[in-house]
Amino acid sequence: MGIAINAPIDDQDRQTKPWYCYGWPWFLISIPFVSVALGAMMLYLALSANNSLVVDDYYKEGKGINLRIERDRTATLLGLSATLTSSEEGLIIDVEQLMPELPAELHEQADTLESAFQWPQALVMQWVHVTRAELDGEAILQSIGGNRYLGTEVELPDFGKYRVHLQPADQAPWRLVSGLEDLNSDMTLSIPYRAPEQVFNKNEYK
């Protein structure tokens, strides 16, 4: 049996493709370019976005928290709750007053507030996004008789989780706050007053 002898390799077969015809060099080159692009995007977001979660005036914020607590307590002592309903006329808010079951030590405060209570002429409704302050909004609803209020041009957000705040427009001795809710044009939302044990410390009325 004869021995096969390899034919000489032609010089043209020895030539290789240029480097840019292969995928690996381009992949390696793309890594630093992608890193630079991502870094530039993060820098732009850091400089242009408003971080609404940062509070730089703690004294002012603390005073605001105390005021909000007092308003929540007043709503509880008055037994106020609200129901929001969307209709063809607009957004309707019905506010009800049902005296809650309170500890005996709070009856005197509740009676004092009840004797001075009047239905406001208008309500301020605010919707506060859970993280993005630029999505917050508010509307004024006018009284249409008694404890019913109407907003005719209220544009509610189409997406996201919000807390709804209600309080009188002229003076704000009380407020109601909902849980996290989806808002839309077909919503019906109930906002009850907070339970006494949620807004009062037992040591405060002993």
Protein backbone atom coordinates (compact mmCIF):
# COMPACT_ATOMS: atom_id res chain seq x y z
CA MET A 1 0.00 0.00 0.00
CA GLY A 2 1.41 3.35 -1.00
CA ILE A 3 2.03 6.27 1.36
CA ALA A 4 0.00 9.46 0.72
CA ILE A 5 2.09 12.55 0.37
CA ASN A 6 0.46 15.88 1.28
CA ALA A 7 0.37 18.36 -1.51
CA PRO A 8 2.24 21.61 -0.92
CA ILE A 9 0.12 24.36 0.62
CA ASP A 10 -0.52 27.22 -1.71
CA ASP A 11 0.46 30.73 -0.43
CA GLN A 12 -3.09 31.93 -1.00
CA ASP A 13 -4.39 29.36 1.49
CA ARG A 14 -1.94 30.62 4.11
CA GLN A 15 -3.56 34.08 4.11
CA THR A 16 -5.94 34.82 7.00
CA LYS A 17 -8.91 37.18 7.13
CA PRO A 18 -8.42 40.77 8.40
CA TRP A 19 -9.03 41.25 12.15
CA TYR A 20 -12.19 43.29 11.62
CA CYS A 21 -13.85 40.34 9.95
CA TYR A 22 -13.96 38.48 13.27
CA GLY A 23 -16.52 39.02 16.02
CA TRP A 24 -14.31 38.77 19.11
CA PRO A 25 -12.31 41.99 18.55
CA TRP A 26 -15.51 43.97 18.17
CA PHE A 27 -16.97 42.40 21.31
CA LEU A 28 -13.89 43.36 23.32
CA ILE A 29 -13.92 46.88 21.89
CA SER A 30 -17.61 47.34 22.75
CA ILE A 31 -17.09 46.72 26.49
CA PRO A 32 -15.40 50.07 27.34
CA PHE A 33 -17.77 51.97 25.02
CA VAL A 34 -20.83 50.49 26.75
CA SER A 35 -19.34 51.29 30.15
CA VAL A 36 -18.75 54.93 29.16
CA ALA A 37 -22.32 55.24 27.79
CA LEU A 38 -23.87 53.80 30.97
CA GLY A 39 -21.72 56.07 33.13
CA ALA A 40 -22.79 59.14 31.14
CA MET A 41 -26.46 58.15 31.46
CA MET A 42 -26.18 57.67 35.24
CA LEU A 43 -24.44 61.03 35.58
CA TYR A 44 -27.21 62.73 33.59
CA LEU A 45 -29.92 61.15 35.75
CA ALA A 46 -28.11 62.12 38.95
CA LEU A 47 -27.81 65.75 37.86
CA SER A 48 -31.26 66.19 36.31
CA ALA A 49 -33.58 64.11 38.52
CA ASN A 50 -35.03 65.54 41.71
CA ASN A 51 -34.63 63.15 44.63
CA SER A 52 -37.86 63.82 46.49
CA LEU A 53 -36.99 61.37 49.27
CA VAL A 54 -34.22 63.59 50.64
CA VAL A 55 -35.22 66.02 53.39
CA ASP A 56 -32.72 68.77 54.21
CA ASP A 57 -34.80 70.75 56.72
CA TYR A 58 -35.50 68.35 59.56
CA TYR A 59 -36.87 70.98 61.94
CA LYS A 60 -39.46 72.19 59.43
CA GLU A 61 -40.33 68.61 58.51
CA GLY A 62 -40.74 67.72 62.19
CA LYS A 63 -43.16 70.59 62.73
CA GLY A 64 -45.14 69.45 59.69
CA ILE A 65 -45.34 65.91 61.04
CA ASN A 66 -46.70 67.15 64.38
CA LEU A 67 -49.33 69.23 62.56
CA ARG A 68 -50.40 66.26 60.45
CA ILE A 69 -50.74 64.11 63.57
CA GLU A 70 -53.01 66.73 65.17
CA ARG A 71 -55.21 66.80 62.07
CA ASP A 72 -55.46 63.00 62.03
CA ARG A 73 -56.46 63.04 65.69
CA THR A 74 -59.13 65.68 65.06
CA ALA A 75 -60.65 63.57 62.25
CA THR A 76 -60.73 60.59 64.61
CA LEU A 77 -62.33 62.54 67.47
CA LEU A 78 -64.98 63.87 65.06
CA GLY A 79 -65.56 60.45 63.49
CA LEU A 80 -65.10 61.74 59.93
CA SER A 81 -64.90 59.47 56.91
CA ALA A 82 -65.23 60.07 53.17
CA THR A 83 -66.31 58.23 50.03
CA LEU A 84 -64.97 59.25 46.60
CA THR A 85 -67.06 58.37 43.56
CA SER A 86 -66.55 59.15 39.88
CA SER A 87 -69.67 60.18 37.96
CA GLU A 88 -70.65 61.89 34.71
CA GLU A 89 -70.74 65.21 36.58
CA GLY A 90 -67.22 64.78 37.92
CA LEU A 91 -65.65 63.55 41.12
CA ILE A 92 -68.04 63.47 44.09
CA ILE A 93 -66.92 63.27 47.71
CA ASP A 94 -69.39 62.48 50.48
CA VAL A 95 -68.09 63.17 53.99
CA GLU A 96 -69.86 61.44 56.88
CA GLN A 97 -69.62 62.03 60.60
CA LEU A 98 -70.24 59.08 62.90
CA MET A 99 -69.03 59.41 66.46
CA PRO A 100 -66.43 56.70 67.12
CA GLU A 101 -65.98 54.58 70.21
CA LEU A 102 -63.42 56.52 72.20
CA PRO A 103 -61.75 55.98 75.55
CA ALA A 104 -63.56 57.86 78.29
CA GLU A 105 -60.58 60.19 78.69
CA LEU A 106 -61.09 61.50 75.13
CA HIS A 107 -64.81 62.28 75.40
CA GLU A 108 -64.25 65.82 76.61
CA GLN A 109 -61.94 66.63 73.68
CA ALA A 110 -64.40 65.10 71.23
CA ASP A 111 -67.33 67.11 72.67
CA THR A 112 -65.35 70.35 72.41
CA LEU A 113 -64.50 69.70 68.75
CA GLU A 114 -68.05 68.61 67.96
CA SER A 115 -69.54 71.81 69.33
CA ALA A 116 -67.36 73.94 67.03
CA PHE A 117 -67.52 71.71 63.93
CA GLN A 118 -68.84 73.12 60.65
CA TRP A 119 -68.86 71.68 57.16
CA PRO A 120 -66.26 73.50 55.04
CA GLN A 121 -67.20 75.29 51.82
CA ALA A 122 -64.54 73.44 49.84
CA LEU A 123 -62.21 70.47 50.17
CA VAL A 124 -58.64 70.04 48.96
CA MET A 125 -57.96 66.62 47.52
CA GLN A 126 -54.31 65.65 47.04
CA TRP A 127 -52.94 62.47 45.53
CA VAL A 128 -49.38 61.66 46.58
CA HIS A 129 -47.31 59.11 44.69
CA VAL A 130 -45.52 56.53 46.79
CA THR A 131 -42.04 57.57 45.52
CA ARG A 132 -42.22 60.18 42.70
CA ALA A 133 -43.17 63.68 43.79
CA GLU A 134 -43.48 64.93 40.20
CA LEU A 135 -46.59 62.72 39.81
CA ASP A 136 -48.40 64.32 42.77
CA GLY A 137 -51.44 66.48 42.15
CA GLU A 138 -54.37 68.19 43.79
CA ALA A 139 -57.88 69.47 43.09
CA ILE A 140 -60.41 71.73 44.81
CA LEU A 141 -63.94 70.37 45.28
CA GLN A 142 -66.75 72.78 46.09
CA SER A 143 -69.67 72.07 48.40
CA ILE A 144 -72.94 71.35 46.58
CA GLY A 145 -74.95 71.14 49.77
CA GLY A 146 -74.32 69.77 53.23
CA ASN A 147 -71.58 67.18 53.30
CA ARG A 148 -71.31 66.58 49.52
CA TYR A 149 -68.54 68.05 47.36
CA LEU A 150 -68.03 68.11 43.59
CA GLY A 151 -64.98 68.56 41.37
CA THR A 152 -65.91 68.97 37.71
CA GLU A 153 -62.46 68.95 36.07
CA VAL A 154 -60.41 66.54 38.15
CA GLU A 155 -57.86 64.63 36.05
CA LEU A 156 -56.73 61.62 38.04
CA PRO A 157 -53.50 59.76 37.16
CA ASP A 158 -53.83 56.65 35.02
CA PHE A 159 -51.22 54.52 36.75
CA GLY A 160 -49.23 54.15 39.95
CA LYS A 161 -49.95 53.80 43.66
CA TYR A 162 -51.14 56.92 45.49
CA ARG A 163 -52.32 58.06 48.90
CA VAL A 164 -55.31 60.39 48.82
CA HIS A 165 -55.36 63.29 51.31
CA LEU A 166 -58.56 65.23 52.09
CA GLN A 167 -58.80 68.38 54.17
CA PRO A 168 -60.78 71.66 54.28
CA ALA A 169 -59.63 74.31 51.81
CA ASP A 170 -59.90 77.38 54.02
CA GLN A 171 -58.59 76.05 57.30
CA ALA A 172 -57.34 72.53 57.83
CA PRO A 173 -58.14 71.43 61.39
CA TRP A 174 -58.59 67.83 60.20
CA ARG A 175 -57.53 65.55 57.39
CA LEU A 176 -58.23 62.06 56.06
CA VAL A 177 -55.62 59.86 54.41
CA SER A 178 -56.22 56.70 52.39
CA GLY A 179 -54.00 53.69 51.97
CA LEU A 180 -52.08 53.06 48.76
CA GLU A 181 -54.63 53.00 45.95
CA ASP A 182 -54.86 52.83 42.15
CA LEU A 183 -56.72 55.90 40.90
CA ASN A 184 -58.83 55.92 37.74
CA SER A 185 -61.97 57.46 36.28
CA ASP A 186 -64.20 54.58 37.47
CA MET A 187 -63.04 54.38 41.05
CA THR A 188 -65.03 54.28 44.27
CA LEU A 189 -62.77 54.87 47.27
CA SER A 190 -63.60 54.90 50.97
CA ILE A 191 -61.36 56.76 53.42
CA PRO A 192 -62.22 56.07 57.07
CA TYR A 193 -60.84 57.89 60.08
CA ARG A 194 -57.93 56.22 61.83
CA ALA A 195 -58.57 54.16 64.93
CA PRO A 196 -57.83 55.96 68.25
CA GLU A 197 -55.00 53.57 69.10
CA GLN A 198 -53.28 54.51 65.82
CA VAL A 199 -53.14 58.26 66.47
CA PHE A 200 -53.15 58.52 70.26
CA ASN A 201 -50.61 57.35 72.77
CA LYS A 202 -52.32 56.09 75.93
CA ASN A 203 -49.95 58.18 78.04
CA GLU A 204 -51.31 61.33 76.36
CA TYR A 205 -54.85 60.99 77.70
CA LYS A 206 -54.33 59.33 81.08
